[in-house]
Amino acid sequence: MKIHFNFVNSAKKEINEHCLKQSIFNKNKNSSHITAGLESIKEFKKLVGLGNIKELVEEIIAFVKIQKKRELEGLATEPMVFHMIFKGNPGTGKTTVARLMGKLFKELGILEKGDVNEVERADLVGEYVGHTAQKTREQVRKSLGGVLFIDEAYSLARGGVKDFGKEAIDVLVKAMEDYRNDFVLILAGYKVEMELFLNSNPGLRSRFPIQLEFSDYTVEELLKIAKMMLEERQYCLTAEAEIKLKNAIRNAVSIGHCYEGNARLARNIIEKSIRAQALRLIHENNFSREQLIYLKACDIEDLTSKINNNNDNNVIKIFEAKKSAASGGN
């Protein structure tokens, strides 16, 4: 027990030191934080789709600029809480956006560091009474000055009344109040599951003023993502290969690509195609620069059959989750 109190006292001391440092940081920040070129904006603009997220980013930048102008004029400024909920299927950009948000908040002077601490249930939930609170506070401490990103956050509320996950939620709720200006909490997960999660604690939903939905990518968006991946790897598609790639993506979308990872689906097709091209070139013994760059139609594999084999179970899971949500989780 003595060791536990030493840990708590040490953690409190470190947190208090950080808060003092953050307070000094906030007082010293000036308009250079706002007017300087924002590298994170360039990265946001490169993202395919995500129109609602890009609109939010513009709102945040405008808000910070105007508050700074008001401060210079001696007018009252409006504090804003940036804790967020991300809802969407796998591969829709949630983790990527969370990382960019950390960069943006640092560049705007909202956060001191902007680092993103990515955790999951196992990093927060302990094995005995009191252990969960200790682990969760430690993750909050690590995240001060930056972003605490919890993927599949709904898993914290899945274990029943006696599960320690609820203790982690309580600690996070308190930390959001105690250190509201010192870190940003972003919770992410499937849309249906996140709705159930938000309903698990009466005061939880209201503490997240920003709730974003990450839509599944369209065929055209996935094709664009695939071509960007190829460009980064210095590959190109022949005209026939591009047609086959688009058809492969369309087939996947038509039978439920959202369960196979959206952008990850595009990446899987591309990586499989690159391996197929490598095997083809070895067999042909043809290593010219042009052959090394171009993927042909025969290199593109339609993953529809593989997706279809796994899709039935996924559809059942989603249906059951929606049914549970509709009945209030009963």
C-alpha atoms as a PDB file:
ATOM      1  CA  MET A   1       0.000   0.000   0.000  1.00  0.00           C
ATOM      2  CA  LYS A   2       2.899   2.348   0.743  1.00  0.00           C
ATOM      3  CA  ILE A   3       4.259   1.780  -2.745  1.00  0.00           C
ATOM      4  CA  HIS A   4       0.836   2.642  -4.172  1.00  0.00           C
ATOM      5  CA  PHE A   5       0.735   5.979  -2.279  1.00  0.00           C
ATOM      6  CA  ASN A   6       4.255   6.808  -3.398  1.00  0.00           C
ATOM      7  CA  PHE A   7       3.181   6.200  -6.983  1.00  0.00           C
ATOM      8  CA  VAL A   8       0.117   8.437  -6.602  1.00  0.00           C
ATOM      9  CA  ASN A   9       2.088  11.248  -4.938  1.00  0.00           C
ATOM     10  CA  SER A  10       4.769  11.058  -7.601  1.00  0.00           C
ATOM     11  CA  ALA A  11       2.179  11.113 -10.372  1.00  0.00           C
ATOM     12  CA  LYS A  12       0.340  14.068  -8.797  1.00  0.00           C
ATOM     13  CA  LYS A  13       3.594  16.004  -8.485  1.00  0.00           C
ATOM     14  CA  GLU A  14       4.458  15.366 -12.125  1.00  0.00           C
ATOM     15  CA  ILE A  15       0.953  16.348 -13.263  1.00  0.00           C
ATOM     16  CA  ASN A  16       1.048  19.568 -11.191  1.00  0.00           C
ATOM     17  CA  GLU A  17       4.439  20.459 -12.647  1.00  0.00           C
ATOM     18  CA  HIS A  18       3.073  19.906 -16.139  1.00  0.00           C
ATOM     19  CA  CYS A  19      -0.008  22.067 -15.482  1.00  0.00           C
ATOM     20  CA  LEU A  20       2.220  24.935 -14.279  1.00  0.00           C
ATOM     21  CA  LYS A  21       4.357  24.536 -17.373  1.00  0.00           C
ATOM     22  CA  GLN A  22       1.239  24.468 -19.590  1.00  0.00           C
ATOM     23  CA  SER A  23      -0.073  27.625 -17.912  1.00  0.00           C
ATOM     24  CA  ILE A  24       3.170  29.450 -18.669  1.00  0.00           C
ATOM     25  CA  PHE A  25       3.050  28.090 -22.222  1.00  0.00           C
ATOM     26  CA  ASN A  26      -0.496  29.430 -22.726  1.00  0.00           C
ATOM     27  CA  LYS A  27       0.435  32.883 -21.442  1.00  0.00           C
ATOM     28  CA  ASN A  28       3.520  33.140 -23.644  1.00  0.00           C
ATOM     29  CA  LYS A  29       2.018  31.914 -26.903  1.00  0.00           C
ATOM     30  CA  ASN A  30       1.483  34.665 -29.463  1.00  0.00           C
ATOM     31  CA  SER A  31       0.105  35.190 -32.941  1.00  0.00           C
ATOM     32  CA  SER A  32       3.117  33.479 -34.538  1.00  0.00           C
ATOM     33  CA  HIS A  33       1.456  30.174 -33.571  1.00  0.00           C
ATOM     34  CA  ILE A  34      -1.553  31.179 -35.665  1.00  0.00           C
ATOM     35  CA  THR A  35      -0.051  32.911 -38.678  1.00  0.00           C
ATOM     36  CA  ALA A  36       2.854  30.532 -39.234  1.00  0.00           C
ATOM     37  CA  GLY A  37       2.470  27.953 -42.002  1.00  0.00           C
ATOM     38  CA  LEU A  38       0.552  24.950 -40.718  1.00  0.00           C
ATOM     39  CA  GLU A  39       2.161  21.750 -41.970  1.00  0.00           C
ATOM     40  CA  SER A  40      -0.737  19.702 -40.645  1.00  0.00           C
ATOM     41  CA  ILE A  41      -3.131  21.557 -42.984  1.00  0.00           C
ATOM     42  CA  LYS A  42      -1.140  20.409 -45.986  1.00  0.00           C
ATOM     43  CA  GLU A  43      -1.441  16.839 -44.758  1.00  0.00           C
ATOM     44  CA  PHE A  44      -5.176  17.190 -44.126  1.00  0.00           C
ATOM     45  CA  LYS A  45      -5.662  18.456 -47.685  1.00  0.00           C
ATOM     46  CA  LYS A  46      -3.902  15.385 -49.082  1.00  0.00           C
ATOM     47  CA  LEU A  47      -6.428  13.057 -47.438  1.00  0.00           C
ATOM     48  CA  VAL A  48      -9.026  11.554 -49.771  1.00  0.00           C
ATOM     49  CA  GLY A  49     -12.641  12.342 -48.878  1.00  0.00           C
ATOM     50  CA  LEU A  50     -13.333  13.236 -45.219  1.00  0.00           C
ATOM     51  CA  GLY A  51     -15.070  16.489 -46.131  1.00  0.00           C
ATOM     52  CA  ASN A  52     -16.715  16.869 -42.709  1.00  0.00           C
ATOM     53  CA  ILE A  53     -13.359  16.478 -40.944  1.00  0.00           C
ATOM     54  CA  LYS A  54     -11.733  19.101 -43.180  1.00  0.00           C
ATOM     55  CA  GLU A  55     -14.591  21.490 -42.444  1.00  0.00           C
ATOM     56  CA  LEU A  56     -14.060  20.973 -38.709  1.00  0.00           C
ATOM     57  CA  VAL A  57     -10.355  21.750 -39.081  1.00  0.00           C
ATOM     58  CA  GLU A  58     -11.218  25.045 -40.796  1.00  0.00           C
ATOM     59  CA  GLU A  59     -13.633  25.871 -37.960  1.00  0.00           C
ATOM     60  CA  ILE A  60     -10.976  25.175 -35.313  1.00  0.00           C
ATOM     61  CA  ILE A  61      -8.400  27.344 -37.073  1.00  0.00           C
ATOM     62  CA  ALA A  62     -10.897  30.189 -37.522  1.00  0.00           C
ATOM     63  CA  PHE A  63     -11.974  29.934 -33.878  1.00  0.00           C
ATOM     64  CA  VAL A  64      -8.399  30.132 -32.562  1.00  0.00           C
ATOM     65  CA  LYS A  65      -7.554  33.064 -34.848  1.00  0.00           C
ATOM     66  CA  ILE A  66     -10.615  35.057 -33.787  1.00  0.00           C
ATOM     67  CA  GLN A  67     -10.045  34.354 -30.087  1.00  0.00           C
ATOM     68  CA  LYS A  68      -6.492  35.625 -30.480  1.00  0.00           C
ATOM     69  CA  LYS A  69      -7.766  38.782 -32.192  1.00  0.00           C
ATOM     70  CA  ARG A  70     -10.298  39.308 -29.393  1.00  0.00           C
ATOM     71  CA  GLU A  71      -7.583  38.851 -26.784  1.00  0.00           C
ATOM     72  CA  LEU A  72      -5.443  41.526 -28.461  1.00  0.00           C
ATOM     73  CA  GLU A  73      -8.436  43.898 -28.340  1.00  0.00           C
ATOM     74  CA  GLY A  74      -8.979  43.221 -24.654  1.00  0.00           C
ATOM     75  CA  LEU A  75     -12.240  41.380 -25.266  1.00  0.00           C
ATOM     76  CA  ALA A  76     -13.443  38.302 -23.406  1.00  0.00           C
ATOM     77  CA  THR A  77     -12.318  35.045 -24.989  1.00  0.00           C
ATOM     78  CA  GLU A  78     -14.290  31.831 -25.200  1.00  0.00           C
ATOM     79  CA  PRO A  79     -12.605  28.622 -24.000  1.00  0.00           C
ATOM     80  CA  MET A  80     -13.366  25.557 -26.060  1.00  0.00           C
ATOM     81  CA  VAL A  81     -13.163  21.862 -25.230  1.00  0.00           C
ATOM     82  CA  PHE A  82     -11.729  19.728 -28.035  1.00  0.00           C
ATOM     83  CA  HIS A  83     -12.440  16.219 -26.730  1.00  0.00           C
ATOM     84  CA  MET A  84     -13.760  14.133 -29.640  1.00  0.00           C
ATOM     85  CA  ILE A  85     -15.614  10.979 -30.617  1.00  0.00           C
ATOM     86  CA  PHE A  86     -14.716   9.270 -33.903  1.00  0.00           C
ATOM     87  CA  LYS A  87     -17.313   6.827 -35.272  1.00  0.00           C
ATOM     88  CA  GLY A  88     -16.688   4.671 -38.306  1.00  0.00           C
ATOM     89  CA  ASN A  89     -15.654   1.359 -39.797  1.00  0.00           C
ATOM     90  CA  PRO A  90     -12.023   0.180 -39.941  1.00  0.00           C
ATOM     91  CA  GLY A  91      -9.790   1.863 -42.502  1.00  0.00           C
ATOM     92  CA  THR A  92     -11.788   5.091 -42.732  1.00  0.00           C
ATOM     93  CA  GLY A  93      -8.955   7.295 -41.449  1.00  0.00           C
ATOM     94  CA  LYS A  94      -9.702   7.631 -37.729  1.00  0.00           C
ATOM     95  CA  THR A  95      -6.160   6.981 -36.479  1.00  0.00           C
ATOM     96  CA  THR A  96      -4.609   9.094 -39.250  1.00  0.00           C
ATOM     97  CA  VAL A  97      -6.880  12.031 -38.404  1.00  0.00           C
ATOM     98  CA  ALA A  98      -6.142  11.688 -34.671  1.00  0.00           C
ATOM     99  CA  ARG A  99      -2.409  11.954 -35.363  1.00  0.00           C
ATOM    100  CA  LEU A 100      -2.920  15.002 -37.554  1.00  0.00           C
ATOM    101  CA  MET A 101      -5.128  16.600 -34.912  1.00  0.00           C
ATOM    102  CA  GLY A 102      -2.233  16.341 -32.472  1.00  0.00           C
ATOM    103  CA  LYS A 103       0.018  18.190 -34.933  1.00  0.00           C
ATOM    104  CA  LEU A 104      -2.651  20.798 -35.604  1.00  0.00           C
ATOM    105  CA  PHE A 105      -3.262  21.504 -31.913  1.00  0.00           C
ATOM    106  CA  LYS A 106       0.456  21.967 -31.341  1.00  0.00           C
ATOM    107  CA  GLU A 107       0.825  24.316 -34.319  1.00  0.00           C
ATOM    108  CA  LEU A 108      -2.148  26.374 -33.137  1.00  0.00           C
ATOM    109  CA  GLY A 109      -0.752  26.608 -29.623  1.00  0.00           C
ATOM    110  CA  ILE A 110      -3.676  24.677 -28.133  1.00  0.00           C
ATOM    111  CA  LEU A 111      -1.411  21.904 -26.857  1.00  0.00           C
ATOM    112  CA  GLU A 112       2.189  22.125 -25.759  1.00  0.00           C
ATOM    113  CA  LYS A 113       3.492  18.965 -27.431  1.00  0.00           C
ATOM    114  CA  GLY A 114       0.813  17.512 -29.669  1.00  0.00           C
ATOM    115  CA  ASP A 115       2.083  13.956 -29.265  1.00  0.00           C
ATOM    116  CA  VAL A 116      -0.547  11.237 -29.702  1.00  0.00           C
ATOM    117  CA  ASN A 117      -0.610   8.475 -27.097  1.00  0.00           C
ATOM    118  CA  GLU A 118      -2.423   5.575 -28.795  1.00  0.00           C
ATOM    119  CA  VAL A 119      -3.855   3.047 -26.340  1.00  0.00           C
ATOM    120  CA  GLU A 120      -6.465   0.295 -26.123  1.00  0.00           C
ATOM    121  CA  ARG A 121      -8.398  -1.460 -23.379  1.00  0.00           C
ATOM    122  CA  ALA A 122      -5.422  -3.545 -22.203  1.00  0.00           C
ATOM    123  CA  ASP A 123      -3.426  -0.359 -21.521  1.00  0.00           C
ATOM    124  CA  LEU A 124      -6.133   1.005 -19.212  1.00  0.00           C
ATOM    125  CA  VAL A 125      -7.862  -1.893 -17.477  1.00  0.00           C
ATOM    126  CA  GLY A 126      -6.120  -3.664 -14.612  1.00  0.00           C
ATOM    127  CA  GLU A 127      -6.459  -7.087 -13.027  1.00  0.00           C
ATOM    128  CA  TYR A 128      -7.522  -6.172  -9.495  1.00  0.00           C
ATOM    129  CA  VAL A 129      -9.308  -3.438  -7.562  1.00  0.00           C
ATOM    130  CA  GLY A 130      -7.431  -0.134  -7.813  1.00  0.00           C
ATOM    131  CA  HIS A 131      -5.139  -1.320 -10.593  1.00  0.00           C
ATOM    132  CA  THR A 132      -7.326   0.123 -13.355  1.00  0.00           C
ATOM    133  CA  ALA A 133      -7.404   3.604 -11.834  1.00  0.00           C
ATOM    134  CA  GLN A 134      -3.623   3.508 -11.510  1.00  0.00           C
ATOM    135  CA  LYS A 135      -3.078   2.393 -15.122  1.00  0.00           C
ATOM    136  CA  THR A 136      -5.575   4.887 -16.530  1.00  0.00           C
ATOM    137  CA  ARG A 137      -4.101   7.814 -14.582  1.00  0.00           C
ATOM    138  CA  GLU A 138      -0.674   6.823 -15.864  1.00  0.00           C
ATOM    139  CA  GLN A 139      -1.903   6.994 -19.474  1.00  0.00           C
ATOM    140  CA  VAL A 140      -3.491  10.383 -18.801  1.00  0.00           C
ATOM    141  CA  ARG A 141      -0.204  11.570 -17.313  1.00  0.00           C
ATOM    142  CA  LYS A 142       1.686  10.416 -20.413  1.00  0.00           C
ATOM    143  CA  SER A 143      -0.792  12.296 -22.593  1.00  0.00           C
ATOM    144  CA  LEU A 144      -0.578  15.696 -20.900  1.00  0.00           C
ATOM    145  CA  GLY A 145       0.354  18.287 -23.479  1.00  0.00           C
ATOM    146  CA  GLY A 146      -0.913  16.035 -26.251  1.00  0.00           C
ATOM    147  CA  VAL A 147      -3.681  13.690 -27.350  1.00  0.00           C
ATOM    148  CA  LEU A 148      -4.883  10.484 -25.685  1.00  0.00           C
ATOM    149  CA  PHE A 149      -6.361   8.328 -28.458  1.00  0.00           C
ATOM    150  CA  ILE A 150      -8.321   5.239 -27.402  1.00  0.00           C
ATOM    151  CA  ASP A 151      -9.259   2.934 -30.265  1.00  0.00           C
ATOM    152  CA  GLU A 152     -12.193   0.537 -29.835  1.00  0.00           C
ATOM    153  CA  ALA A 153     -13.119   2.575 -26.758  1.00  0.00           C
ATOM    154  CA  TYR A 154     -16.492   0.828 -26.544  1.00  0.00           C
ATOM    155  CA  SER A 155     -14.691  -2.243 -25.180  1.00  0.00           C
ATOM    156  CA  LEU A 156     -14.350  -0.405 -21.859  1.00  0.00           C
ATOM    157  CA  ALA A 157     -18.095  -0.798 -21.276  1.00  0.00           C
ATOM    158  CA  ARG A 158     -18.519  -4.379 -22.454  1.00  0.00           C
ATOM    159  CA  GLY A 159     -17.635  -6.467 -19.435  1.00  0.00           C
ATOM    160  CA  GLY A 160     -20.738  -6.089 -17.284  1.00  0.00           C
ATOM    161  CA  VAL A 161     -21.304  -4.454 -13.899  1.00  0.00           C
ATOM    162  CA  LYS A 162     -18.248  -5.962 -12.201  1.00  0.00           C
ATOM    163  CA  ASP A 163     -15.861  -5.280 -15.075  1.00  0.00           C
ATOM    164  CA  PHE A 164     -12.986  -2.888 -14.338  1.00  0.00           C
ATOM    165  CA  GLY A 165     -13.547  -1.100 -17.642  1.00  0.00           C
ATOM    166  CA  LYS A 166     -16.181   1.118 -16.050  1.00  0.00           C
ATOM    167  CA  GLU A 167     -13.603   2.253 -13.522  1.00  0.00           C
ATOM    168  CA  ALA A 168     -11.379   3.385 -16.401  1.00  0.00           C
ATOM    169  CA  ILE A 169     -14.289   5.404 -17.816  1.00  0.00           C
ATOM    170  CA  ASP A 170     -14.830   7.122 -14.458  1.00  0.00           C
ATOM    171  CA  VAL A 171     -11.152   8.069 -14.224  1.00  0.00           C
ATOM    172  CA  LEU A 172     -11.165   9.432 -17.784  1.00  0.00           C
ATOM    173  CA  VAL A 173     -14.289  11.514 -17.087  1.00  0.00           C
ATOM    174  CA  LYS A 174     -12.661  13.069 -14.032  1.00  0.00           C
ATOM    175  CA  ALA A 175      -9.419  13.720 -15.926  1.00  0.00           C
ATOM    176  CA  MET A 176     -11.349  15.515 -18.672  1.00  0.00           C
ATOM    177  CA  GLU A 177     -12.550  17.998 -16.053  1.00  0.00           C
ATOM    178  CA  ASP A 178      -9.351  18.269 -14.035  1.00  0.00           C
ATOM    179  CA  TYR A 179      -7.031  18.723 -17.048  1.00  0.00           C
ATOM    180  CA  ARG A 180      -9.424  20.060 -19.670  1.00  0.00           C
ATOM    181  CA  ASN A 181      -6.808  22.464 -21.077  1.00  0.00           C
ATOM    182  CA  ASP A 182      -3.877  20.092 -20.790  1.00  0.00           C
ATOM    183  CA  PHE A 183      -4.814  17.256 -23.114  1.00  0.00           C
ATOM    184  CA  VAL A 184      -7.367  16.197 -25.708  1.00  0.00           C
ATOM    185  CA  LEU A 185      -9.166  12.854 -25.404  1.00  0.00           C
ATOM    186  CA  ILE A 186     -10.263  11.144 -28.625  1.00  0.00           C
ATOM    187  CA  LEU A 187     -12.340   7.958 -28.425  1.00  0.00           C
ATOM    188  CA  ALA A 188     -12.821   5.887 -31.579  1.00  0.00           C
ATOM    189  CA  GLY A 189     -14.739   2.834 -32.713  1.00  0.00           C
ATOM    190  CA  TYR A 190     -17.606   1.423 -34.760  1.00  0.00           C
ATOM    191  CA  LYS A 191     -20.648   3.718 -34.976  1.00  0.00           C
ATOM    192  CA  VAL A 192     -23.189   1.367 -33.347  1.00  0.00           C
ATOM    193  CA  GLU A 193     -20.827   0.239 -30.589  1.00  0.00           C
ATOM    194  CA  MET A 194     -19.790   3.821 -29.815  1.00  0.00           C
ATOM    195  CA  GLU A 195     -23.440   4.828 -29.419  1.00  0.00           C
ATOM    196  CA  LEU A 196     -23.898   2.028 -26.885  1.00  0.00           C
ATOM    197  CA  PHE A 197     -20.718   3.130 -25.141  1.00  0.00           C
ATOM    198  CA  LEU A 198     -21.866   6.757 -24.860  1.00  0.00           C
ATOM    199  CA  ASN A 199     -25.147   5.547 -23.342  1.00  0.00           C
ATOM    200  CA  SER A 200     -23.285   3.515 -20.702  1.00  0.00           C
ATOM    201  CA  ASN A 201     -22.435   6.594 -18.618  1.00  0.00           C
ATOM    202  CA  PRO A 202     -25.008   9.402 -18.080  1.00  0.00           C
ATOM    203  CA  GLY A 203     -22.484  12.248 -18.287  1.00  0.00           C
ATOM    204  CA  LEU A 204     -20.284  10.843 -21.012  1.00  0.00           C
ATOM    205  CA  ARG A 205     -21.902  12.114 -24.220  1.00  0.00           C
ATOM    206  CA  SER A 206     -22.095  15.738 -23.103  1.00  0.00           C
ATOM    207  CA  ARG A 207     -18.367  15.808 -22.408  1.00  0.00           C
ATOM    208  CA  PHE A 208     -17.561  15.263 -26.090  1.00  0.00           C
ATOM    209  CA  PRO A 209     -18.759  18.339 -27.983  1.00  0.00           C
ATOM    210  CA  ILE A 210     -17.132  17.145 -31.206  1.00  0.00           C
ATOM    211  CA  GLN A 211     -18.483  13.891 -32.618  1.00  0.00           C
ATOM    212  CA  LEU A 212     -17.414  12.933 -36.117  1.00  0.00           C
ATOM    213  CA  GLU A 213     -18.624  10.183 -38.424  1.00  0.00           C
ATOM    214  CA  PHE A 214     -16.124   8.614 -40.805  1.00  0.00           C
ATOM    215  CA  SER A 215     -18.036   7.408 -43.857  1.00  0.00           C
ATOM    216  CA  ASP A 216     -17.048   4.391 -45.918  1.00  0.00           C
ATOM    217  CA  TYR A 217     -15.065   5.332 -49.009  1.00  0.00           C
ATOM    218  CA  THR A 218     -16.720   5.333 -52.426  1.00  0.00           C
ATOM    219  CA  VAL A 219     -15.335   3.376 -55.391  1.00  0.00           C
ATOM    220  CA  GLU A 220     -13.774   6.518 -56.859  1.00  0.00           C
ATOM    221  CA  GLU A 221     -12.204   7.459 -53.528  1.00  0.00           C
ATOM    222  CA  LEU A 222     -10.742   3.982 -53.047  1.00  0.00           C
ATOM    223  CA  LEU A 223      -9.359   4.044 -56.588  1.00  0.00           C
ATOM    224  CA  LYS A 224      -7.728   7.396 -55.850  1.00  0.00           C
ATOM    225  CA  ILE A 225      -6.271   6.036 -52.608  1.00  0.00           C
ATOM    226  CA  ALA A 226      -4.915   2.981 -54.440  1.00  0.00           C
ATOM    227  CA  LYS A 227      -3.289   5.135 -57.118  1.00  0.00           C
ATOM    228  CA  MET A 228      -1.721   7.362 -54.445  1.00  0.00           C
ATOM    229  CA  MET A 229      -0.273   4.257 -52.780  1.00  0.00           C
ATOM    230  CA  LEU A 230       1.193   3.158 -56.094  1.00  0.00           C
ATOM    231  CA  GLU A 231       2.664   6.605 -56.756  1.00  0.00           C
ATOM    232  CA  GLU A 232       4.349   6.624 -53.349  1.00  0.00           C
ATOM    233  CA  ARG A 233       5.910   3.259 -54.227  1.00  0.00           C
ATOM    234  CA  GLN A 234       6.883   4.444 -57.741  1.00  0.00           C
ATOM    235  CA  TYR A 235       4.532   2.114 -59.601  1.00  0.00           C
ATOM    236  CA  CYS A 236       2.097   2.850 -62.419  1.00  0.00           C
ATOM    237  CA  LEU A 237      -0.909   1.076 -63.928  1.00  0.00           C
ATOM    238  CA  THR A 238      -1.445   0.222 -67.548  1.00  0.00           C
ATOM    239  CA  ALA A 239      -4.814   1.336 -68.905  1.00  0.00           C
ATOM    240  CA  GLU A 240      -6.111  -2.234 -68.726  1.00  0.00           C
ATOM    241  CA  ALA A 241      -4.804  -2.658 -65.176  1.00  0.00           C
ATOM    242  CA  GLU A 242      -6.570   0.508 -64.012  1.00  0.00           C
ATOM    243  CA  ILE A 243      -9.877  -0.749 -65.413  1.00  0.00           C
ATOM    244  CA  LYS A 244      -9.439  -4.100 -63.687  1.00  0.00           C
ATOM    245  CA  LEU A 245      -8.445  -2.425 -60.414  1.00  0.00           C
ATOM    246  CA  LYS A 246     -11.546  -0.244 -60.482  1.00  0.00           C
ATOM    247  CA  ASN A 247     -13.737  -3.275 -61.183  1.00  0.00           C
ATOM    248  CA  ALA A 248     -12.118  -5.197 -58.340  1.00  0.00           C
ATOM    249  CA  ILE A 249     -12.797  -2.323 -55.957  1.00  0.00           C
ATOM    250  CA  ARG A 250     -16.371  -1.940 -57.220  1.00  0.00           C
ATOM    251  CA  ASN A 251     -17.025  -5.653 -56.669  1.00  0.00           C
ATOM    252  CA  ALA A 252     -15.664  -5.430 -53.130  1.00  0.00           C
ATOM    253  CA  VAL A 253     -17.764  -2.362 -52.337  1.00  0.00           C
ATOM    254  CA  SER A 254     -20.929  -4.005 -53.684  1.00  0.00           C
ATOM    255  CA  ILE A 255     -20.680  -6.916 -51.237  1.00  0.00           C
ATOM    256  CA  GLY A 256     -19.606  -4.985 -48.156  1.00  0.00           C
ATOM    257  CA  HIS A 257     -16.091  -3.575 -48.320  1.00  0.00           C
ATOM    258  CA  CYS A 258     -16.766  -1.710 -45.066  1.00  0.00           C
ATOM    259  CA  TYR A 259     -16.195  -4.965 -43.181  1.00  0.00           C
ATOM    260  CA  GLU A 260     -12.848  -5.505 -44.870  1.00  0.00           C
ATOM    261  CA  GLY A 261     -11.203  -2.232 -43.994  1.00  0.00           C
ATOM    262  CA  ASN A 262     -11.989   0.426 -46.611  1.00  0.00           C
ATOM    263  CA  ALA A 263      -8.564   1.943 -47.353  1.00  0.00           C
ATOM    264  CA  ARG A 264      -6.965  -1.256 -46.055  1.00  0.00           C
ATOM    265  CA  LEU A 265      -8.838  -3.100 -48.785  1.00  0.00           C
ATOM    266  CA  ALA A 266      -7.182  -0.856 -51.381  1.00  0.00           C
ATOM    267  CA  ARG A 267      -3.805  -1.411 -49.742  1.00  0.00           C
ATOM    268  CA  ASN A 268      -4.282  -5.191 -49.696  1.00  0.00           C
ATOM    269  CA  ILE A 269      -5.146  -5.256 -53.403  1.00  0.00           C
ATOM    270  CA  ILE A 270      -2.137  -3.069 -54.250  1.00  0.00           C
ATOM    271  CA  GLU A 271       0.333  -5.069 -52.165  1.00  0.00           C
ATOM    272  CA  LYS A 272      -0.985  -8.351 -53.600  1.00  0.00           C
ATOM    273  CA  SER A 273      -0.663  -6.933 -57.125  1.00  0.00           C
ATOM    274  CA  ILE A 274       2.921  -5.805 -56.526  1.00  0.00           C
ATOM    275  CA  ARG A 275       3.843  -9.302 -55.359  1.00  0.00           C
ATOM    276  CA  ALA A 276       2.108 -10.792 -58.399  1.00  0.00           C
ATOM    277  CA  GLN A 277       4.067  -8.457 -60.686  1.00  0.00           C
ATOM    278  CA  ALA A 278       7.343  -9.460 -59.014  1.00  0.00           C
ATOM    279  CA  LEU A 279       6.603 -13.160 -59.533  1.00  0.00           C
ATOM    280  CA  ARG A 280       5.630 -12.530 -63.172  1.00  0.00           C
ATOM    281  CA  LEU A 281       8.850 -10.620 -63.903  1.00  0.00           C
ATOM    282  CA  ILE A 282      10.964 -13.376 -62.358  1.00  0.00           C
ATOM    283  CA  HIS A 283       9.271 -15.957 -64.565  1.00  0.00           C
ATOM    284  CA  GLU A 284       9.632 -13.729 -67.646  1.00  0.00           C
ATOM    285  CA  ASN A 285      13.217 -12.800 -66.748  1.00  0.00           C
ATOM    286  CA  ASN A 286      12.393  -9.263 -67.832  1.00  0.00           C
ATOM    287  CA  PHE A 287      13.759  -6.464 -65.641  1.00  0.00           C
ATOM    288  CA  SER A 288      13.651  -3.337 -67.801  1.00  0.00           C
ATOM    289  CA  ARG A 289      12.794  -0.059 -66.072  1.00  0.00           C
ATOM    290  CA  GLU A 290       9.380   0.054 -67.747  1.00  0.00           C
ATOM    291  CA  GLN A 291       8.540  -3.496 -66.707  1.00  0.00           C
ATOM    292  CA  LEU A 292       9.628  -2.766 -63.128  1.00  0.00           C
ATOM    293  CA  ILE A 293       7.310   0.255 -62.942  1.00  0.00           C
ATOM    294  CA  TYR A 294       4.104  -0.908 -64.617  1.00  0.00           C
ATOM    295  CA  LEU A 295       1.480  -3.241 -63.212  1.00  0.00           C
ATOM    296  CA  LYS A 296      -0.520  -5.121 -65.827  1.00  0.00           C
ATOM    297  CA  ALA A 297      -4.098  -6.350 -65.699  1.00  0.00           C
ATOM    298  CA  CYS A 298      -2.900  -9.888 -65.027  1.00  0.00           C
ATOM    299  CA  ASP A 299      -1.239  -8.628 -61.816  1.00  0.00           C
ATOM    300  CA  ILE A 300      -4.500  -7.305 -60.365  1.00  0.00           C
ATOM    301  CA  GLU A 301      -6.427  -9.835 -58.311  1.00  0.00           C
ATOM    302  CA  ASP A 302     -10.129  -9.502 -57.549  1.00  0.00           C
ATOM    303  CA  LEU A 303     -10.461 -10.193 -53.821  1.00  0.00           C
ATOM    304  CA  THR A 304     -14.248 -10.493 -54.001  1.00  0.00           C
ATOM    305  CA  SER A 305     -14.322 -14.241 -53.434  1.00  0.00           C
ATOM    306  CA  LYS A 306     -12.148 -13.971 -50.341  1.00  0.00           C
ATOM    307  CA  ILE A 307     -14.271 -11.156 -48.955  1.00  0.00           C
ATOM    308  CA  ASN A 308     -17.446 -13.109 -49.634  1.00  0.00           C
ATOM    309  CA  ASN A 309     -16.179 -16.063 -47.609  1.00  0.00           C
ATOM    310  CA  ASN A 310     -15.801 -13.896 -44.521  1.00  0.00           C
ATOM    311  CA  ASN A 311     -18.684 -11.516 -45.062  1.00  0.00           C
ATOM    312  CA  ASP A 312     -21.573 -13.650 -43.767  1.00  0.00           C
ATOM    313  CA  ASN A 313     -20.229 -13.710 -40.201  1.00  0.00           C
ATOM    314  CA  ASN A 314     -19.521  -9.972 -40.321  1.00  0.00           C
ATOM    315  CA  VAL A 315     -23.040  -9.168 -41.495  1.00  0.00           C
ATOM    316  CA  ILE A 316     -24.477 -11.228 -38.632  1.00  0.00           C
ATOM    317  CA  LYS A 317     -22.320  -9.367 -36.094  1.00  0.00           C
ATOM    318  CA  ILE A 318     -23.329  -5.959 -37.417  1.00  0.00           C
ATOM    319  CA  PHE A 319     -27.009  -6.962 -37.505  1.00  0.00           C
ATOM    320  CA  GLU A 320     -26.880  -8.147 -33.899  1.00  0.00           C
ATOM    321  CA  ALA A 321     -25.151  -4.926 -32.808  1.00  0.00           C
ATOM    322  CA  LYS A 322     -27.773  -2.776 -34.534  1.00  0.00           C
ATOM    323  CA  LYS A 323     -30.569  -4.881 -33.032  1.00  0.00           C
ATOM    324  CA  SER A 324     -29.055  -4.424 -29.574  1.00  0.00           C
ATOM    325  CA  ALA A 325     -28.713  -0.669 -30.106  1.00  0.00           C
ATOM    326  CA  ALA A 326     -32.329  -0.400 -31.236  1.00  0.00           C
ATOM    327  CA  SER A 327     -33.526  -2.135 -28.071  1.00  0.00           C
ATOM    328  CA  GLY A 328     -31.388   0.037 -25.842  1.00  0.00           C
ATOM    329  CA  GLY A 329     -28.841  -2.688 -25.236  1.00  0.00           C
ATOM    330  CA  ASN A 330     -31.354  -4.977 -23.502  1.00  0.00           C
END
